[in-house]
Protein backbone atom coordinates (compact mmCIF):
# COMPACT_ATOMS: atom_id res chain seq x y z
CA SER A 1 8.10 16.05 37.58
CA ALA A 2 9.18 14.47 40.88
CA GLY A 3 9.34 11.04 39.26
CA ARG A 4 6.58 9.41 41.29
CA VAL A 5 4.56 8.39 38.20
CA ALA A 6 5.64 5.99 35.46
CA GLN A 7 4.45 7.53 32.22
CA PRO A 8 5.92 6.67 28.83
CA ALA A 9 5.59 9.20 26.05
CA ARG A 10 2.29 8.81 24.24
CA ARG A 11 2.23 7.37 20.77
CA ILE A 12 0.32 9.32 18.14
CA LEU A 13 -0.59 7.67 14.84
CA GLU A 14 -1.72 9.74 11.87
CA VAL A 15 -4.92 8.50 10.23
CA GLU A 16 -3.86 9.72 6.81
CA PRO A 17 -6.91 8.72 4.74
CA HIS A 18 -9.23 10.73 6.98
CA GLY A 19 -7.10 13.60 8.30
CA GLY A 20 -7.13 12.46 11.91
CA TYR A 21 -4.84 11.33 14.71
CA PHE A 22 -5.14 8.40 17.13
CA GLY A 23 -3.15 8.12 20.32
CA GLY A 24 -2.57 5.91 23.34
CA MET A 25 -1.50 7.15 26.78
CA THR A 26 -0.72 5.14 29.93
CA ALA A 27 0.26 6.07 33.48
CA VAL A 28 0.98 4.14 36.66
CA GLY A 29 1.21 5.59 40.16
CA ALA A 30 0.78 4.43 43.73
CA GLU A 31 -2.84 5.58 43.85
CA ALA A 32 -4.04 5.25 40.26
CA MET A 33 -3.32 3.30 37.10
CA GLY A 34 -4.90 3.48 33.70
CA ALA A 35 -4.85 4.32 30.04
CA LYS A 36 -6.53 6.67 27.60
CA LEU A 37 -7.27 6.14 23.94
CA VAL A 38 -7.91 9.43 22.16
CA SER A 39 -8.77 10.54 18.64
CA PHE A 40 -8.28 14.02 17.23
CA TYR A 41 -10.05 14.91 13.98
CA PRO A 42 -9.77 18.66 13.24
CA GLY A 43 -12.27 18.38 10.38
CA ASN A 44 -15.03 17.21 12.72
CA SER A 45 -15.90 20.79 13.61
CA SER A 46 -17.39 21.25 10.14
CA LYS A 47 -19.46 18.08 10.63
CA GLY A 48 -21.01 19.08 13.92
CA LEU A 49 -18.87 16.54 15.81
CA ASP A 50 -16.36 16.95 18.62
CA THR A 51 -12.77 17.20 17.40
CA HIS A 52 -11.46 15.26 20.42
CA MET A 53 -12.98 11.95 21.54
CA ALA A 54 -11.59 9.51 24.06
CA LEU A 55 -12.04 6.51 26.34
CA ILE A 56 -10.30 6.15 29.70
CA SER A 57 -9.84 2.83 31.51
CA LEU A 58 -8.84 2.59 35.16
CA PHE A 59 -7.26 -0.38 36.96
CA ASP A 60 -6.64 -1.03 40.64
CA PRO A 61 -2.89 -0.37 41.11
CA GLU A 62 -2.76 -2.83 44.05
CA THR A 63 -4.19 -5.84 42.22
CA GLY A 64 -4.32 -4.93 38.52
CA GLU A 65 -8.10 -5.44 38.56
CA PRO A 66 -9.99 -3.52 35.83
CA LEU A 67 -12.30 -0.99 37.48
CA VAL A 68 -14.08 1.06 34.84
CA THR A 69 -14.03 2.38 31.29
CA MET A 70 -15.54 5.82 30.84
CA ASP A 71 -15.97 8.45 28.17
CA GLY A 72 -12.93 10.71 28.17
CA GLY A 73 -14.09 13.60 26.01
CA LEU A 74 -15.32 15.86 28.80
CA ILE A 75 -12.43 14.87 31.06
CA THR A 76 -9.93 15.77 28.34
CA LYS A 77 -11.59 19.13 27.78
CA MET A 78 -11.83 20.00 31.46
CA ARG A 79 -8.41 18.80 32.59
CA THR A 80 -6.67 20.62 29.73
CA ALA A 81 -8.28 23.87 30.83
CA ALA A 82 -7.60 23.08 34.49
CA VAL A 83 -3.88 22.65 33.82
CA THR A 84 -3.78 25.97 31.97
CA ALA A 85 -5.56 27.64 34.88
CA THR A 86 -2.97 26.12 37.23
CA PHE A 87 -0.21 27.63 35.09
CA VAL A 88 -1.86 31.06 35.10
CA ASP A 89 -2.45 30.91 38.84
CA ALA A 90 1.21 30.02 39.41
CA VAL A 91 2.90 32.61 37.18
CA ALA A 92 0.48 35.51 36.56
CA ALA A 93 0.13 38.54 38.80
CA PRO A 94 -2.99 38.51 41.01
CA ASN A 95 -4.34 41.67 39.36
CA VAL A 96 -4.35 40.58 35.69
CA LYS A 97 -7.52 41.85 34.01
CA SER A 98 -7.47 41.08 30.28
CA LEU A 99 -7.78 37.69 28.60
CA ALA A 100 -7.41 36.83 24.91
CA ILE A 101 -8.68 33.49 23.61
CA LEU A 102 -7.60 32.56 20.10
CA GLY A 103 -9.95 29.94 18.75
CA ALA A 104 -13.63 29.36 19.47
CA GLY A 105 -13.83 25.58 19.67
CA GLU A 106 -14.58 23.31 22.60
CA GLN A 107 -11.34 24.18 24.39
CA ALA A 108 -12.05 27.91 24.21
CA GLU A 109 -15.17 27.80 26.36
CA SER A 110 -13.68 25.38 28.89
CA HIS A 111 -10.64 27.65 29.25
CA PHE A 112 -12.85 30.67 29.87
CA GLU A 113 -14.63 28.74 32.63
CA ALA A 114 -11.45 27.41 34.26
CA LEU A 115 -9.52 30.67 34.10
CA SER A 116 -12.45 32.51 35.65
CA LEU A 117 -11.91 30.39 38.78
CA VAL A 118 -8.37 31.69 39.35
CA ARG A 119 -8.51 35.31 38.11
CA HIS A 120 -11.17 37.97 37.53
CA PHE A 121 -11.01 39.21 33.95
CA ASP A 122 -12.75 42.51 33.18
CA ASP A 123 -11.86 42.35 29.48
CA VAL A 124 -12.20 39.09 27.55
CA ARG A 125 -11.48 39.05 23.82
CA ILE A 126 -12.11 36.20 21.42
CA TRP A 127 -10.77 35.69 17.92
CA ASN A 128 -11.48 32.87 15.50
CA ARG A 129 -10.74 32.38 11.81
CA THR A 130 -14.49 32.02 11.35
CA PRO A 131 -15.90 35.27 12.79
CA ASP A 132 -19.39 33.85 13.32
CA ARG A 133 -18.03 31.31 15.78
CA ALA A 134 -16.12 33.99 17.66
CA HIS A 135 -19.26 36.14 17.91
CA ALA A 136 -21.32 33.18 19.14
CA LEU A 137 -18.85 32.34 21.91
CA ALA A 138 -18.44 36.02 22.81
CA GLU A 139 -22.18 36.40 23.24
CA LYS A 140 -22.31 33.28 25.41
CA THR A 141 -19.45 34.37 27.67
CA GLY A 142 -19.91 38.13 27.74
CA ALA A 143 -16.69 38.66 25.80
CA ARG A 144 -15.81 40.72 22.72
CA ALA A 145 -15.20 39.24 19.27
CA VAL A 146 -12.24 41.12 17.78
CA SER A 147 -9.38 40.77 15.29
CA CYS A 148 -6.43 38.58 16.27
CA GLU A 149 -4.11 41.54 16.74
CA GLU A 150 -6.65 43.43 18.83
CA ALA A 151 -7.12 40.34 20.99
CA VAL A 152 -3.41 39.84 21.67
CA ARG A 153 -2.16 43.41 22.07
CA ASN A 154 -2.03 44.48 25.73
CA ALA A 155 -3.64 41.22 26.89
CA ASP A 156 -2.36 40.01 30.26
CA VAL A 157 -3.16 36.37 29.43
CA VAL A 158 -3.30 34.84 25.95
CA ILE A 159 -4.69 31.37 25.25
CA ALA A 160 -3.98 29.85 21.83
CA ALA A 161 -6.47 27.03 21.28
CA THR A 162 -6.45 26.48 17.54
CA ALA A 163 -5.64 23.54 15.28
CA SER A 164 -3.38 25.72 13.12
CA SER A 165 -0.09 24.30 11.89
CA GLU A 166 1.22 27.84 11.36
CA ALA A 167 1.63 30.74 13.79
CA VAL A 168 -1.62 32.60 14.35
CA PHE A 169 -0.14 35.81 15.81
CA ASP A 170 3.06 37.85 15.88
CA GLY A 171 5.01 37.59 19.13
CA ALA A 172 5.83 41.29 18.84
CA TRP A 173 2.19 41.99 19.77
CA LEU A 174 2.64 40.59 23.28
CA THR A 175 2.74 42.95 26.22
CA PRO A 176 6.03 42.73 28.24
CA ALA A 177 4.53 40.67 31.10
CA ALA A 178 2.09 38.54 29.10
CA LYS A 179 1.44 34.95 30.07
CA VAL A 180 0.69 32.72 27.07
CA ALA A 181 -0.60 29.14 26.93
CA SER A 182 -0.67 27.05 23.76
CA VAL A 183 -3.08 24.12 23.91
CA GLY A 184 -3.74 23.63 20.20
CA TRP A 185 -1.98 20.81 18.36
CA ALA A 186 -1.59 20.08 14.66
CA GLY A 187 1.14 17.46 14.62
CA ALA A 188 4.73 17.31 15.79
CA ASP A 189 5.99 19.57 13.01
CA GLY A 190 3.37 22.32 13.11
CA GLY A 191 2.67 24.98 15.68
CA GLU A 192 0.42 27.94 16.43
CA LEU A 193 3.19 30.08 18.01
CA ASP A 194 5.99 31.86 16.14
CA ALA A 195 9.73 31.95 16.85
CA ASN A 196 9.46 35.38 18.45
CA THR A 197 6.95 34.11 20.98
CA MET A 198 8.92 30.93 21.68
CA SER A 199 12.11 32.92 22.38
CA ASN A 200 10.70 33.88 25.79
CA VAL A 201 10.68 31.85 29.01
CA VAL A 202 9.07 28.50 28.12
CA ILE A 203 7.42 26.09 30.54
CA VAL A 204 6.11 22.69 29.45
CA ASP A 205 4.00 20.03 31.12
CA SER A 206 6.48 17.32 30.09
CA ARG A 207 9.96 17.80 28.63
CA GLU A 208 9.88 14.37 27.01
CA GLY A 209 6.45 14.97 25.54
CA ALA A 210 7.28 18.45 24.28
CA LEU A 211 10.50 17.33 22.59
CA LEU A 212 8.65 14.50 20.83
CA GLU A 213 5.33 16.16 19.96
CA SER A 214 5.43 19.95 20.22
CA GLY A 215 5.84 21.65 16.87
CA ASN A 216 6.20 24.95 18.73
CA VAL A 217 9.24 23.60 20.58
CA ARG A 218 10.69 21.38 17.87
CA ARG A 219 10.70 23.71 14.89
CA ASN A 220 12.01 26.69 16.89
CA ASN A 221 14.73 24.76 18.78
CA THR A 222 13.22 26.18 21.93
CA GLU A 223 15.08 26.10 25.23
CA ILE A 224 12.80 24.69 27.91
CA HIS A 225 13.10 26.54 31.21
CA ALA A 226 11.08 24.18 33.38
CA GLU A 227 8.20 21.76 33.68
CA LEU A 228 5.07 23.14 35.29
CA GLY A 229 5.50 20.57 38.06
CA GLU A 230 8.88 22.08 38.92
CA ILE A 231 7.31 25.53 39.19
CA LEU A 232 4.55 24.19 41.45
CA HIS A 233 7.07 22.31 43.60
CA GLY A 234 9.28 25.38 43.92
CA THR A 235 12.41 23.84 42.41
CA LYS A 236 12.20 26.31 39.51
CA SER A 237 10.80 29.83 39.35
CA VAL A 238 9.94 32.56 36.84
CA ASP A 239 9.86 36.35 36.92
CA LEU A 240 6.28 37.61 37.15
CA ASP A 241 7.27 40.55 34.94
CA ALA A 242 8.56 38.34 32.12
CA ILE A 243 6.69 36.97 29.13
CA VAL A 244 6.14 33.30 29.99
CA ILE A 245 4.93 30.66 27.54
CA PHE A 246 3.27 27.40 28.54
CA GLU A 247 3.38 24.60 26.00
CA SER A 248 0.65 22.14 26.98
CA ILE A 249 0.80 18.76 25.24
CA GLY A 250 -1.18 16.80 27.81
CA MET A 251 -0.10 13.90 29.99
CA ALA A 252 -1.69 10.57 30.81
CA CYS A 253 -1.31 11.16 34.56
CA GLN A 254 -3.62 14.17 34.28
CA ASP A 255 -6.33 12.10 32.61
CA ILE A 256 -5.95 9.22 35.04
CA ALA A 257 -6.05 11.54 38.06
CA ALA A 258 -9.19 13.25 36.74
CA ALA A 259 -10.87 9.95 35.89
CA SER A 260 -10.05 8.65 39.36
CA LEU A 261 -11.85 11.65 40.86
CA VAL A 262 -14.87 10.88 38.69
CA LEU A 263 -14.89 7.25 39.84
CA LYS A 264 -14.42 8.22 43.48
CA ASN A 265 -17.38 10.60 43.37
CA ALA A 266 -19.64 8.56 41.08
CA VAL A 267 -23.17 7.96 42.26
CA PRO A 268 -24.39 4.41 41.45
CA LEU A 269 -27.40 4.29 39.17
CA ALA A 270 -30.63 3.27 40.82
CA THR A 271 -31.59 -0.33 40.08
C-alpha cells in the first residue's frame, strides 16, 4: 500500500475444459523477488485432491540469480489465513468471542488455527453445504456444526471460505459490529457475499486486484474504503462498532514474503 513493492495484477486464465483456473503472480521488492504459479480446481475436493496447488520461485533481487523453487500449496493456505487474522486483529474488539466459518475445506481449518492466535473464541460454529464435512471439521476443532443462519447470526467474526459463485448468507443476519472476511473465489463475476453485506465498510488487500478479480466488489459496485495496508499503517481507520468486510483476493508479495521466510529458516538436508 505504501508503494514499496512492484506488483502487477495477477493474470487468471480459465481452464474451461476441466473447470479450473490457472494464474501467474509476480512481485519485486528491495528484499525479495519472485513469482508464483497457482492452479485452482474447485472440483478437486470430490476427487480427494487439494483445490489449490502452486509453485513459488525466488530470485536474488540484487543479482537476479535464481534461488529456489518450492511447493506453494501450504504457503498459500497459511498466508491467506494469516492475512485474515491480521485483519481481525486490526479491526475487531479484543473481547470478541464467537466465530463463524462458512465452508469446511482446506482454508477453513487454517483460518481456525490462525484466528486462534489473535483472539480467544469461546463459540466456534461451522457450516458447509455438505453437512458431513462440517461435522468432521467441527469434531477436529472443538466447534459446532450448525445451519448457515445459526452460524452467522450474532457471530462476532464471520469467515466465508467457499467456492460459491452466489451469496451463501443474507447480510441482514450480521450483528451490528460483525467483522467479515471473504476468502473464497469463484471467478471475477461471482461472489459469496450479497449486496447487503457489501454495502458496509469494505477493506481490500489490493484495490487493483479487487477491481479486476473480486466478484463481490465488481457485481455490487462496491465502494472500497481502504486497503488493509492503509489500516495497518494508520493512514486509514475504521469504527470498531461498525460492520467491516474484508475482501481478500491474495497478492504476490504475500506469497514471496512467506516463501522468503521459509528459505531463510530452511534446514539443509543431511548429505
